[in-house]
Protein backbone atom coordinates (compact mmCIF):
# COMPACT_ATOMS: atom_id res chain seq x y z
CA UNK A 1 0.00 0.00 0.00
CA UNK A 2 2.65 2.48 1.04
CA UNK A 3 5.83 3.49 -0.82
CA UNK A 4 8.98 5.24 0.37
CA UNK A 5 11.21 7.55 -1.65
CA UNK A 6 14.86 7.62 -0.58
CA UNK A 7 17.70 9.54 -2.23
CA UNK A 8 21.17 8.74 -0.87
CA UNK A 9 22.76 12.17 -1.21
CA UNK A 10 25.12 14.06 1.11
CA UNK A 11 22.29 15.33 3.31
CA UNK A 12 20.83 11.84 3.68
CA UNK A 13 24.25 10.47 4.66
CA UNK A 14 24.53 13.24 7.25
CA UNK A 15 21.10 12.27 8.60
CA UNK A 16 22.21 8.64 8.87
CA UNK A 17 25.56 9.34 10.52
CA UNK A 18 24.24 11.96 12.94
CA UNK A 19 21.17 10.03 14.09
CA UNK A 20 21.56 8.76 17.64
CA UNK A 21 20.94 5.17 18.75
CA UNK A 22 17.55 5.79 20.34
CA UNK A 23 16.28 7.54 17.21
CA UNK A 24 17.54 4.67 15.07
CA UNK A 25 15.52 2.19 17.11
CA UNK A 26 12.34 3.80 15.77
CA UNK A 27 13.32 2.49 12.34
CA UNK A 28 14.13 -1.06 13.49
CA UNK A 29 11.63 -3.93 13.36
CA UNK A 30 11.52 -7.72 13.10
CA UNK A 31 10.14 -7.36 9.57
CA UNK A 32 13.15 -5.27 8.57
CA UNK A 33 15.48 -7.92 10.00
CA UNK A 34 13.70 -10.66 8.04
CA UNK A 35 13.87 -8.59 4.85
CA UNK A 36 17.62 -8.11 5.26
CA UNK A 37 18.22 -11.80 6.04
CA UNK A 38 15.90 -13.40 3.49
CA UNK A 39 16.08 -10.86 0.65
CA UNK A 40 19.59 -9.57 1.20
CA UNK A 41 22.10 -11.79 3.00
CA UNK A 42 20.73 -15.18 1.86
CA UNK A 43 20.49 -14.28 -1.87
CA UNK A 44 23.94 -12.67 -1.68
CA UNK A 45 25.35 -15.85 -0.16
CA UNK A 46 23.75 -18.03 -2.84
CA UNK A 47 25.11 -15.78 -5.59
CA UNK A 48 28.55 -15.90 -3.99
CA UNK A 49 28.52 -19.71 -3.91
CA UNK A 50 26.96 -20.21 -7.34
CA UNK A 51 29.42 -21.69 -9.87
CA UNK A 52 30.08 -19.37 -12.81
CA UNK A 53 31.26 -20.66 -16.17
CA UNK A 54 32.90 -17.98 -18.29
CA UNK A 55 33.03 -18.09 -22.07
CA UNK A 56 36.04 -16.97 -24.04
CA UNK A 57 37.16 -13.35 -23.89
CA UNK A 58 35.88 -12.72 -27.42
CA UNK A 59 32.45 -14.24 -26.72
CA UNK A 60 32.04 -12.39 -23.40
CA UNK A 61 33.10 -9.08 -24.95
CA UNK A 62 30.74 -9.50 -27.91
CA UNK A 63 27.88 -10.34 -25.54
CA UNK A 64 28.44 -7.18 -23.51
CA UNK A 65 28.73 -5.04 -26.63
CA UNK A 66 25.36 -6.33 -27.81
CA UNK A 67 23.75 -5.54 -24.44
CA UNK A 68 25.23 -2.02 -24.42
CA UNK A 69 24.04 -1.47 -27.99
CA UNK A 70 20.50 -2.59 -27.19
CA UNK A 71 20.36 -0.31 -24.12
CA UNK A 72 21.72 2.60 -26.16
CA UNK A 73 19.00 2.10 -28.80
CA UNK A 74 16.30 2.00 -26.13
CA UNK A 75 17.59 5.12 -24.38
CA UNK A 76 17.94 7.00 -27.67
CA UNK A 77 14.40 6.08 -28.67
CA UNK A 78 13.07 7.21 -25.31
CA UNK A 79 15.01 10.47 -25.52
CA UNK A 80 13.69 11.44 -28.93
CA UNK A 81 10.21 10.27 -28.05
CA UNK A 82 9.98 12.32 -24.87
CA UNK A 83 12.73 14.92 -25.31
CA UNK A 84 10.29 17.83 -25.24
CA UNK A 85 9.27 16.97 -21.69
CA UNK A 86 12.58 15.64 -20.38
CA UNK A 87 14.82 18.37 -21.78
CA UNK A 88 13.01 21.19 -20.02
CA UNK A 89 12.61 19.17 -16.82
CA UNK A 90 16.31 18.25 -16.59
CA UNK A 91 17.34 21.81 -17.47
CA UNK A 92 15.21 23.20 -14.62
CA UNK A 93 16.24 20.44 -12.21
CA UNK A 94 19.88 19.72 -13.00
CA UNK A 95 20.59 17.76 -9.79
CA UNK A 96 18.25 15.02 -11.03
CA UNK A 97 21.15 13.64 -13.12
CA UNK A 98 22.86 12.69 -9.87
CA UNK A 99 19.88 11.10 -8.19
CA UNK A 100 19.18 8.68 -11.06
CA UNK A 101 22.76 7.42 -10.93
CA UNK A 102 22.86 4.13 -8.93
CA UNK A 103 26.43 4.89 -7.83
CA UNK A 104 25.63 8.38 -6.57
CA UNK A 105 25.85 7.22 -2.96
CA UNK A 106 29.58 6.55 -3.46
CA UNK A 107 30.14 10.08 -4.74
CA UNK A 108 28.05 11.47 -1.85
CA UNK A 109 30.10 9.51 0.69
CA UNK A 110 33.36 10.91 -0.67
CA UNK A 111 31.95 14.44 -0.74
CA UNK A 112 30.65 14.15 2.83
CA UNK A 113 34.03 12.97 4.16
CA UNK A 114 35.92 15.63 2.21
CA UNK A 115 33.67 18.42 3.50
CA UNK A 116 33.90 17.08 7.04
CA UNK A 117 37.67 17.27 6.84
CA UNK A 118 37.40 20.78 5.41
CA UNK A 119 35.18 21.92 8.30
CA UNK A 120 37.57 20.56 10.91
CA UNK A 121 40.59 22.21 9.32
CA UNK A 122 39.27 25.75 8.94
CA UNK A 123 39.23 28.44 11.68
CA UNK A 124 35.90 29.71 13.00
CA UNK A 125 34.72 32.96 11.41
CA UNK A 126 33.63 35.47 14.06
CA UNK A 127 30.59 37.65 13.32
CA UNK A 128 28.90 40.36 15.38
CA UNK A 129 31.79 40.53 17.83
CA UNK A 130 30.93 44.14 18.71
CA UNK A 131 27.23 43.41 19.31
CA UNK A 132 25.71 45.32 22.23
CA UNK A 133 22.40 45.94 23.95
CA UNK A 134 22.19 49.71 24.58
CA UNK A 135 21.56 50.53 28.24
CA UNK A 136 18.19 52.00 29.16
CA UNK A 137 17.04 52.65 32.72
CA UNK A 138 13.40 51.93 31.78
CA UNK A 139 14.11 48.72 29.92
CA UNK A 140 13.26 45.41 31.56
CA UNK A 141 15.53 42.47 30.83
CA UNK A 142 14.22 40.10 28.17
CA UNK A 143 13.31 36.46 28.74
CA UNK A 144 12.74 34.75 25.40
CA UNK A 145 12.16 31.02 25.00
CA UNK A 146 12.78 29.74 21.50
CA UNK A 147 11.14 26.36 20.97
CA UNK A 148 12.71 24.50 18.08
CA UNK A 149 9.96 22.18 16.88
CA UNK A 150 10.39 18.85 15.13
CA UNK A 151 8.47 17.72 12.04
CA UNK A 152 5.44 19.97 12.62
CA UNK A 153 3.38 20.77 9.52
CA UNK A 154 1.66 24.15 9.43
CA UNK A 155 -1.51 22.67 7.93
CA UNK A 156 -2.01 20.40 10.97
CA UNK A 157 -2.39 23.34 13.37
CA UNK A 158 -6.04 24.24 13.94
CA UNK A 159 -4.75 27.79 14.49
CA UNK A 160 -4.10 27.74 10.74
CA UNK A 161 -7.51 26.39 9.77
CA UNK A 162 -7.10 22.63 10.21
CA UNK A 163 -10.53 21.10 10.80
CA UNK A 164 -9.41 19.08 13.84
CA UNK A 165 -8.86 20.87 17.14
CA UNK A 166 -5.13 20.23 17.53
CA UNK A 167 -4.58 23.55 19.35
CA UNK A 168 -7.02 23.32 22.22
CA UNK A 169 -4.56 25.06 24.58
CA UNK A 170 -2.95 27.67 22.33
CA UNK A 171 -6.34 28.76 21.00
CA UNK A 172 -6.99 30.32 24.42
CA UNK A 173 -3.74 32.33 24.28
CA UNK A 174 -2.93 35.52 22.41
CA UNK A 175 -0.62 33.93 19.86
CA UNK A 176 0.19 34.93 16.29
CA UNK A 177 0.54 31.89 14.04
CA UNK A 178 2.38 32.38 10.76
CA UNK A 179 0.47 30.41 8.15
CA UNK A 180 3.01 30.63 5.31
CA UNK A 181 6.37 29.82 6.88
CA UNK A 182 8.85 27.93 4.68
CA UNK A 183 11.67 25.78 6.01
CA UNK A 184 15.32 26.04 5.05
CA UNK A 185 15.61 22.29 4.48
CA UNK A 186 13.68 19.05 4.67
CA UNK A 187 15.63 17.39 7.50
CA UNK A 188 16.87 18.33 10.95
CA UNK A 189 20.50 18.04 9.85
CA UNK A 190 20.06 20.71 7.18
CA UNK A 191 17.32 22.95 8.59
CA UNK A 192 18.60 23.48 12.12
CA UNK A 193 22.08 24.86 11.25
CA UNK A 194 20.52 26.87 8.41
CA UNK A 195 17.81 28.59 10.43
CA UNK A 196 20.31 29.78 13.07
CA UNK A 197 22.80 30.85 10.38
CA UNK A 198 23.18 34.31 8.88
CA UNK A 199 23.46 32.82 5.38
CA UNK A 200 19.81 32.17 4.50
CA UNK A 201 18.56 29.26 2.39
CA UNK A 202 19.74 30.49 -1.01
CA UNK A 203 23.32 31.11 0.19
CA UNK A 204 23.41 28.30 2.74
CA UNK A 205 26.35 25.97 2.59
CA UNK A 206 26.82 23.48 5.39
CA UNK A 207 30.59 23.83 5.57
CA UNK A 208 30.48 27.63 5.57
CA UNK A 209 27.74 27.64 8.22
CA UNK A 210 29.61 25.31 10.56
CA UNK A 211 32.74 27.43 10.21
CA UNK A 212 30.84 30.65 10.94
CA UNK A 213 29.36 31.84 14.21
CA UNK A 214 25.56 31.75 14.37
CA UNK A 215 22.94 33.94 16.03
CA UNK A 216 23.52 32.33 19.44
CA UNK A 217 27.14 33.45 19.32
CA UNK A 218 26.13 37.00 18.38
CA UNK A 219 23.66 37.10 21.28
CA UNK A 220 26.39 35.97 23.66
CA UNK A 221 28.68 38.69 22.31
CA UNK A 222 25.95 41.17 23.29
CA UNK A 223 25.76 39.79 26.84
CA UNK A 224 22.67 37.57 26.52
CA UNK A 225 22.62 34.48 28.76
CA UNK A 226 22.02 31.60 26.33
CA UNK A 227 21.01 28.06 27.29
CA UNK A 228 20.19 25.10 25.01
CA UNK A 229 18.15 22.17 26.35
CA UNK A 230 17.79 19.26 23.91
CA UNK A 231 15.24 16.43 23.83
CA UNK A 232 16.13 15.57 20.23
CA UNK A 233 19.27 14.00 18.75
CA UNK A 234 21.52 17.08 19.23
CA UNK A 235 21.94 20.69 18.06
CA UNK A 236 23.59 19.75 14.71
CA UNK A 237 26.58 21.93 15.57
CA UNK A 238 24.60 25.05 16.52
CA UNK A 239 25.13 24.91 20.31
CA UNK A 240 28.82 24.04 20.34
CA UNK A 241 29.75 27.33 22.06
CA UNK A 242 26.79 27.80 24.43
CA UNK A 243 25.71 25.90 27.58
CA UNK A 244 24.05 22.66 26.43
CA UNK A 245 22.10 20.02 28.37
CA UNK A 246 20.90 16.71 26.93
CA UNK A 247 17.32 15.86 28.04
CA UNK A 248 17.01 12.70 25.97
CA UNK A 249 17.93 10.64 29.02
CA UNK A 250 16.27 10.05 32.38
CA UNK A 251 19.51 11.15 34.04
CA UNK A 252 18.46 14.76 33.39
CA UNK A 253 14.84 14.43 32.23
CA UNK A 254 12.48 13.59 35.08
CA UNK A 255 9.45 12.98 32.82
CA UNK A 256 10.14 9.74 30.95
CA UNK A 257 7.36 7.15 30.44
CA UNK A 258 9.26 5.39 28.91
CA UNK A 259 10.26 7.98 26.30
CA UNK A 260 11.57 11.23 27.73
CA UNK A 261 8.97 13.95 27.14
CA UNK A 262 9.49 17.47 25.88
CA UNK A 263 7.87 18.95 28.98
CA UNK A 264 10.73 17.49 31.03
CA UNK A 265 12.91 20.28 29.63
CA UNK A 266 10.88 22.76 31.69
CA UNK A 267 11.68 21.09 35.02
CA UNK A 268 14.17 23.21 36.98
CA UNK A 269 14.15 25.96 34.39
CA UNK A 270 12.82 28.50 36.87
CA UNK A 271 16.00 28.07 38.95
CA UNK A 272 18.07 29.00 35.91
CA UNK A 273 15.93 32.08 35.35
CA UNK A 274 16.19 33.12 39.00
CA UNK A 275 19.97 32.77 38.89
CA UNK A 276 20.16 35.22 35.97
CA UNK A 277 17.37 37.60 36.89
CA UNK A 278 19.31 40.77 36.11
CA UNK A 279 20.24 40.01 32.51
CA UNK A 280 18.68 39.09 29.18
CA UNK A 281 18.03 35.38 28.77
CA UNK A 282 17.46 33.24 25.69
CA UNK A 283 16.50 29.61 26.25
CA UNK A 284 16.34 27.18 23.32
CA UNK A 285 14.21 24.06 23.83
CA UNK A 286 14.75 21.48 21.08
CA UNK A 287 11.71 19.19 20.91
CA UNK A 288 11.33 15.56 19.96
CA UNK A 289 7.98 16.83 18.72
CA UNK A 290 6.41 14.80 15.92
CA UNK A 291 9.42 12.78 14.82
CA UNK A 292 8.40 9.72 12.82
CA UNK A 293 7.78 7.03 11.88
CA UNK A 294 6.88 5.93 15.42
CA UNK A 295 4.47 8.83 16.00
CA UNK A 296 2.61 6.89 18.67
CA UNK A 297 5.66 7.12 20.95
CA UNK A 298 5.79 10.91 20.82
CA UNK A 299 2.97 11.65 23.27
CA UNK A 300 1.66 10.39 26.65
CA UNK A 301 -1.43 8.18 26.69
CA UNK A 302 -3.75 11.02 27.68
CA UNK A 303 -3.01 12.73 24.37
CA UNK A 304 -4.25 9.83 22.27
CA UNK A 305 -7.18 12.00 21.26
CA UNK A 306 -7.67 10.94 17.66
CA UNK A 307 -8.18 7.21 17.21
CA UNK A 308 -7.50 4.57 15.98
CA UNK A 309 -3.76 5.16 15.77
CA UNK A 310 -0.83 3.48 14.04
CA UNK A 311 0.92 1.53 16.80
CA UNK A 312 4.01 0.53 14.83
CA UNK A 313 6.94 2.11 13.05
CA UNK A 314 6.05 0.01 10.00
CA UNK A 315 3.75 2.48 8.25
CA UNK A 316 2.85 -0.07 5.57
CA UNK A 317 0.99 -1.98 8.27
CA UNK A 318 -1.33 0.99 8.92
CA UNK A 319 -4.01 2.71 6.89
CA UNK A 320 -4.03 6.41 6.09
CA UNK A 321 -6.47 7.31 8.88
CA UNK A 322 -4.36 5.59 11.56
CA UNK A 323 -1.18 7.34 10.42
CA UNK A 324 -2.87 10.72 10.37
CA UNK A 325 -4.47 10.16 13.78
CA UNK A 326 -1.17 9.30 15.44
CA UNK A 327 0.57 12.27 13.81
CA UNK A 328 -2.22 14.68 14.84
CA UNK A 329 -1.88 13.46 18.42
CA UNK A 330 1.77 14.56 18.38
CA UNK A 331 0.65 18.04 17.33
CA UNK A 332 -1.89 18.10 20.17
CA UNK A 333 0.89 17.26 22.62
CA UNK A 334 3.12 19.99 21.19
CA UNK A 335 0.19 22.36 21.70
CA UNK A 336 0.07 21.37 25.38
CA UNK A 337 3.85 21.69 25.73
CA UNK A 338 3.84 25.20 24.27
CA UNK A 339 1.04 26.19 26.64
CA UNK A 340 3.24 25.10 29.56
CA UNK A 341 6.08 27.24 28.19
CA UNK A 342 3.70 30.21 28.10
CA UNK A 343 2.61 29.46 31.68
CA UNK A 344 6.28 29.58 32.77
CA UNK A 345 6.80 32.87 30.95
CA UNK A 346 3.68 34.38 32.52
CA UNK A 347 5.05 33.52 35.95
CA UNK A 348 8.07 35.71 35.17
CA UNK A 349 6.21 38.56 33.50
CA UNK A 350 6.67 40.94 36.42
CA UNK A 351 10.47 40.74 36.23
CA UNK A 352 11.05 40.31 32.49
CA UNK A 353 9.67 41.29 29.12
CA UNK A 354 8.74 37.74 28.11
CA UNK A 355 8.18 36.09 24.77
CA UNK A 356 7.81 32.70 23.07
CA UNK A 357 9.13 32.08 19.56
CA UNK A 358 8.19 28.67 18.13
CA UNK A 359 9.57 27.37 14.84
CA UNK A 360 9.46 23.84 13.42
CA UNK A 361 12.54 22.63 11.56
CA UNK A 362 10.71 20.94 8.66
CA UNK A 363 7.43 19.24 7.82
CA UNK A 364 6.39 15.66 7.11
CA UNK A 365 4.82 13.67 4.30
CA UNK A 366 2.02 11.43 5.51
CA UNK A 367 1.26 9.51 2.34
CA UNK A 368 0.39 12.28 -0.08
CA UNK A 369 1.45 11.15 -3.58
CA UNK A 370 2.76 7.97 -1.96
CA UNK A 371 5.49 9.84 -0.05
CA UNK A 372 6.21 9.38 3.65
CA UNK A 373 8.45 11.00 6.29
CA UNK A 374 10.86 13.73 5.12
CA UNK A 375 14.33 14.42 3.76
CA UNK A 376 13.70 14.68 0.02
CA UNK A 377 15.97 17.07 -1.92
CA UNK A 378 14.48 20.54 -1.55
CA UNK A 379 13.76 21.09 -5.25
CA UNK A 380 11.57 17.98 -5.40
CA UNK A 381 10.18 18.01 -1.85
CA UNK A 382 6.40 18.38 -1.54
CA UNK A 383 4.91 21.30 0.34
CA UNK A 384 4.14 19.01 3.29
CA UNK A 385 7.89 18.82 4.01
CA UNK A 386 8.67 22.53 3.66
CA UNK A 387 5.53 24.31 4.97
CA UNK A 388 6.17 24.49 8.71
CA UNK A 389 4.38 25.63 11.85
CA UNK A 390 5.56 28.84 13.53
CA UNK A 391 4.13 31.26 16.08
CA UNK A 392 4.89 34.10 18.49
CA UNK A 393 3.50 34.96 21.93
CA UNK A 394 4.37 37.94 24.16
CA UNK A 395 3.79 38.77 27.80
CA UNK A 396 2.28 42.01 29.11
CA UNK A 397 5.67 43.72 29.60
CA UNK A 398 6.62 43.22 25.96
CA UNK A 399 5.01 46.18 24.26
CA UNK A 400 4.01 44.98 20.82
CA UNK A 401 1.42 46.08 18.30
CA UNK A 402 -0.56 42.83 18.26
CA UNK A 403 -3.08 44.01 15.69
CA UNK A 404 -0.35 44.98 13.24
CA UNK A 405 1.51 41.74 13.88
CA UNK A 406 -1.64 39.73 13.22
CA UNK A 407 -1.96 41.46 9.85
CA UNK A 408 1.40 39.96 8.90
CA UNK A 409 0.40 36.43 9.93
CA UNK A 410 -0.55 35.27 6.43
CA UNK A 411 2.41 36.77 4.57
CA UNK A 412 5.15 34.61 3.06
CA UNK A 413 8.10 34.09 5.44
CA UNK A 414 10.92 31.60 5.83
CA UNK A 415 13.61 30.38 8.20
CA UNK A 416 15.75 33.25 6.89
CA UNK A 417 13.89 35.49 9.37
CA UNK A 418 14.94 33.59 12.52
CA UNK A 419 18.47 35.04 12.84
CA UNK A 420 17.37 38.67 12.62
CA UNK A 421 14.12 38.27 14.57
CA UNK A 422 16.05 36.89 17.53
CA UNK A 423 18.44 39.86 17.41
CA UNK A 424 15.47 42.22 17.23
CA UNK A 425 13.70 40.53 20.13
CA UNK A 426 16.76 41.10 22.30
CA UNK A 427 17.33 44.71 21.12
CA UNK A 428 20.81 43.77 19.91
CA UNK A 429 22.69 46.44 18.00
CA UNK A 430 25.11 44.99 15.47
CA UNK A 431 26.20 45.47 11.88
CA UNK A 432 25.06 41.95 10.91
CA UNK A 433 21.43 42.74 11.74
CA UNK A 434 19.02 43.23 8.82
CA UNK A 435 15.80 44.92 9.89
CA UNK A 436 13.86 43.80 6.80
CA UNK A 437 14.33 40.17 7.93
CA UNK A 438 12.89 40.78 11.39
CA UNK A 439 9.30 39.52 11.73
CA UNK A 440 8.68 42.35 14.22
CA UNK A 441 10.33 45.17 12.32
CA UNK A 442 8.48 48.40 13.10
CA UNK A 443 6.19 46.74 15.67
CA UNK A 444 8.43 46.43 18.72
CA UNK A 445 7.84 49.30 21.12
CA UNK A 446 10.28 48.21 23.84
CA UNK A 447 12.99 50.80 23.21
CA UNK A 448 14.72 48.57 20.67
CA UNK A 449 17.78 50.16 19.10
CA UNK A 450 17.18 48.13 15.96
CA UNK A 451 13.59 49.17 15.38
C-alpha cells in the first residue's frame, strides 16, 4: 500500500551518521530484520557460492557489446520520443542527473568525508563581535524562549484552519501563528544549522555555516545568557559554544514514560531564570515533537485523542487514517507543551519582558502522492515537508502592536527570518542585523535600538 522515496545524497548520509541510537531504534523492526536476512544476505550468499562458467574473452566481450548497444538504442528512442518533456525538466532540475545514478551514494560519501575534513581544518569565522544591547534605565531584561519544533506541519495546526482541534490550549492564548512559513531544508541536519545561520537558504552551505558563528554566538557577544536544552538527537553543531544540556535521558529528564517527554525540559528551568534575573536570557528548547515514523511514541497516553492510531513504526501496516491520527496526536501534545512554556513565561512577567518564539525545523509527508516521512531534496520536496508551523507569543511587559503583527500572519516568510528576529527581540545592535528580515520590524515598542 505504502511506498517510500529515498535519495542517498550528502544530506541523507549526514542524517544517517548523525542520528543517535535511540532515534535509530524507531526504524528497526523484526520485519526489517527478516527482509535483510531473506532478501539480502541469503540471496547474496547463494550468488557468492553459485558456480560461474565464463566463455572466451571474445564471446564475453561481444555479448556485452550487444547488451550495451540494445540499451543505447532503447535510451535514444526514449530520448527522442519524450525529449520535449525531459529536456526542459532536466534543465530546470539539473541535480536530477545525480539522483538517477545508482552509484551516486559513493560520490556522496566521498563528498561528505571531504567536507567534514574541510570543516575541521578551517578556523571559525567570528561575526557580530561588537554586538551590544544599549543601556536603558526603563528597559526590563528580556526572557525569550525559542522552541525549536520537530516535524510539525503548518496545515495540521487548527490555528491555521485545520478542521481538527489540535490547538485546544494555544487557541486560548494571544498567539500569532504564521500560516506561510517555509523551512530552510527538509531534514533536521540541514534545517537546524541553516535557520540559526546568517546565510539564509539560497546562500546556505553546510561547511560555511559550521565554520561561521551563528545567532547564538552573536547574542552571547551582546551579553545575553544563552542556554540550550535538547530532547532531540543534538543541536547539529549550533550549540557548540553555548551551555548545552541533553534531556534525551532520564539522568536529566524527570518525565520519561518510557520515552523522555518534551515537557521534562521545563523542570528546573525557573531556577536558571532566577539565577540570571538581572540580565537578558534566551532559552532554546529542542523538541522531539512529531518525529516519525513511530508517531505513537511521541505523546503520553492522555493525548491519544484521535483514534484509531498506528501503533508501529512500519507504516505499511497501517491505513491512512491511523497514520494521520497518530501524527495529529503529536501536534496536540506539542500544543500542550507550548502552553506550559507560556505558563512559565507568565510567571516571570513581572520581572522580564517575556516572549515565546516557536519554529518547526521541517514538515512531514504522511502519504500524499505515496510519499512518507521527510528528507527529500528541496527542489523535489512536496509542500508538506517545507511548509512548517511557527508562532509568536508575548507577555504584558513586551510592548508589541498585536493588531499589526496579526496582519502579517498570512504573509510569506521563511527560516531566513529567525536570525534577525532573535536579534530584534533582544534589542541587539550589530552590523550583521538586517531589519527587513525581522518579523517584528516596526512593531516592537520596547525601546529597541534596531527598530
